[in-house]
């Protein structure tokens, strides 16, 4: 890759917008998932009796549905990111490619 192409891409407003939006969105999702996981682990560490509370007929504890919800929410956040990456972020990437097409 030549330096002129790299500089033109870096100076492109669509590229700047892409980087800003992608980083902001991925950091927000990452923080959300990490807080969720660490809250669960910290609850296990410091208040195990809370998650050990039996529900139903006493066969299952409350920890199982909470853990299942964490896994499902993790899949959903991944789906949200992939959909946005394949939509808005891909459109911005294609716009940058179109703008620097003459240098390729």
Protein backbone atom coordinates (compact mmCIF):
# COMPACT_ATOMS: atom_id res chain seq x y z
CA UNK A 1 0.00 0.00 0.00
CA UNK A 2 1.40 3.37 -0.88
CA UNK A 3 1.59 6.27 1.53
CA UNK A 4 -0.59 8.52 -0.60
CA UNK A 5 -3.45 6.02 -0.47
CA UNK A 6 -3.11 5.60 3.31
CA UNK A 7 -3.13 9.36 3.88
CA UNK A 8 -6.14 9.86 1.60
CA UNK A 9 -8.07 7.16 3.47
CA UNK A 10 -7.15 8.65 6.86
CA UNK A 11 -8.21 12.12 5.72
CA UNK A 12 -11.55 10.90 4.33
CA UNK A 13 -14.50 12.19 6.42
CA UNK A 14 -16.40 8.93 5.89
CA UNK A 15 -13.44 6.98 7.28
CA UNK A 16 -13.27 9.26 10.32
CA UNK A 17 -17.02 8.78 10.86
CA UNK A 18 -16.66 5.00 10.48
CA UNK A 19 -13.85 4.80 13.04
CA UNK A 20 -15.69 7.03 15.51
CA UNK A 21 -19.02 5.19 15.27
CA UNK A 22 -17.51 1.69 15.23
CA UNK A 23 -15.25 2.30 18.21
CA UNK A 24 -17.97 4.01 20.23
CA UNK A 25 -20.49 1.27 19.56
CA UNK A 26 -18.10 -1.61 20.22
CA UNK A 27 -16.87 -0.06 23.48
CA UNK A 28 -20.45 0.43 24.71
CA UNK A 29 -21.40 -3.16 23.90
CA UNK A 30 -18.19 -4.50 25.44
CA UNK A 31 -18.73 -2.58 28.67
CA UNK A 32 -22.32 -3.80 28.86
CA UNK A 33 -21.33 -7.47 28.44
CA UNK A 34 -18.38 -7.22 30.82
CA UNK A 35 -20.46 -5.56 33.54
CA UNK A 36 -23.06 -8.28 33.15
CA UNK A 37 -20.50 -11.11 33.42
CA UNK A 38 -18.55 -9.54 36.28
CA UNK A 39 -21.73 -8.78 38.24
CA UNK A 40 -22.65 -12.45 38.02
CA UNK A 41 -19.16 -13.60 39.07
CA UNK A 42 -19.00 -11.07 41.92
CA UNK A 43 -22.41 -12.20 43.12
CA UNK A 44 -21.15 -15.79 43.16
CA UNK A 45 -18.04 -14.72 45.05
CA UNK A 46 -19.56 -12.44 47.67
CA UNK A 47 -23.18 -13.58 48.01
CA UNK A 48 -23.40 -17.24 46.94
CA UNK A 49 -26.55 -17.85 48.97
CA UNK A 50 -28.46 -15.39 46.80
CA UNK A 51 -27.83 -17.43 43.65
CA UNK A 52 -28.25 -20.65 45.61
CA UNK A 53 -31.88 -19.85 46.37
CA UNK A 54 -34.05 -22.70 45.16
CA UNK A 55 -37.00 -21.98 42.88
CA UNK A 56 -39.90 -24.12 41.76
CA UNK A 57 -40.12 -27.45 43.57
CA UNK A 58 -36.65 -27.00 44.99
CA UNK A 59 -34.82 -28.69 42.12
CA UNK A 60 -33.30 -25.67 40.43
CA UNK A 61 -31.56 -22.62 41.85
CA UNK A 62 -32.03 -19.08 40.63
CA UNK A 63 -28.46 -19.12 39.25
CA UNK A 64 -29.42 -21.29 36.27
CA UNK A 65 -32.00 -18.94 34.66
CA UNK A 66 -29.73 -15.96 35.33
CA UNK A 67 -26.75 -17.71 33.70
CA UNK A 68 -28.92 -18.76 30.75
CA UNK A 69 -30.11 -15.16 30.37
CA UNK A 70 -26.51 -13.92 30.37
CA UNK A 71 -25.62 -16.32 27.56
CA UNK A 72 -28.71 -15.36 25.55
CA UNK A 73 -28.03 -11.65 26.04
CA UNK A 74 -24.44 -12.20 24.89
CA UNK A 75 -25.70 -13.79 21.67
CA UNK A 76 -28.14 -10.91 21.18
CA UNK A 77 -25.43 -8.27 21.63
CA UNK A 78 -23.28 -10.14 19.10
CA UNK A 79 -26.22 -10.18 16.68
CA UNK A 80 -26.78 -6.46 17.19
CA UNK A 81 -23.12 -5.71 16.41
CA UNK A 82 -23.06 -7.96 13.33
CA UNK A 83 -26.24 -6.41 11.94
CA UNK A 84 -24.87 -2.91 12.40
CA UNK A 85 -21.47 -3.89 10.99
CA UNK A 86 -23.10 -5.40 7.89
CA UNK A 87 -25.36 -2.37 7.50
CA UNK A 88 -24.17 1.06 8.54
CA UNK A 89 -20.47 0.23 8.92
CA UNK A 90 -20.35 -1.61 5.60
CA UNK A 91 -22.01 1.33 3.84
CA UNK A 92 -19.38 3.71 5.24
CA UNK A 93 -16.58 1.31 4.23
CA UNK A 94 -17.92 1.14 0.69
CA UNK A 95 -18.15 4.93 0.56
CA UNK A 96 -14.47 5.20 1.57
CA UNK A 97 -13.53 2.61 -1.07
CA UNK A 98 -15.44 4.57 -3.69
CA UNK A 99 -13.69 7.80 -2.71
CA UNK A 100 -10.18 6.33 -3.03
CA UNK A 101 -10.90 4.07 -5.99
CA UNK A 102 -8.83 6.25 -8.33
CA UNK A 103 -5.65 5.59 -6.31
CA UNK A 104 -5.89 1.79 -6.44
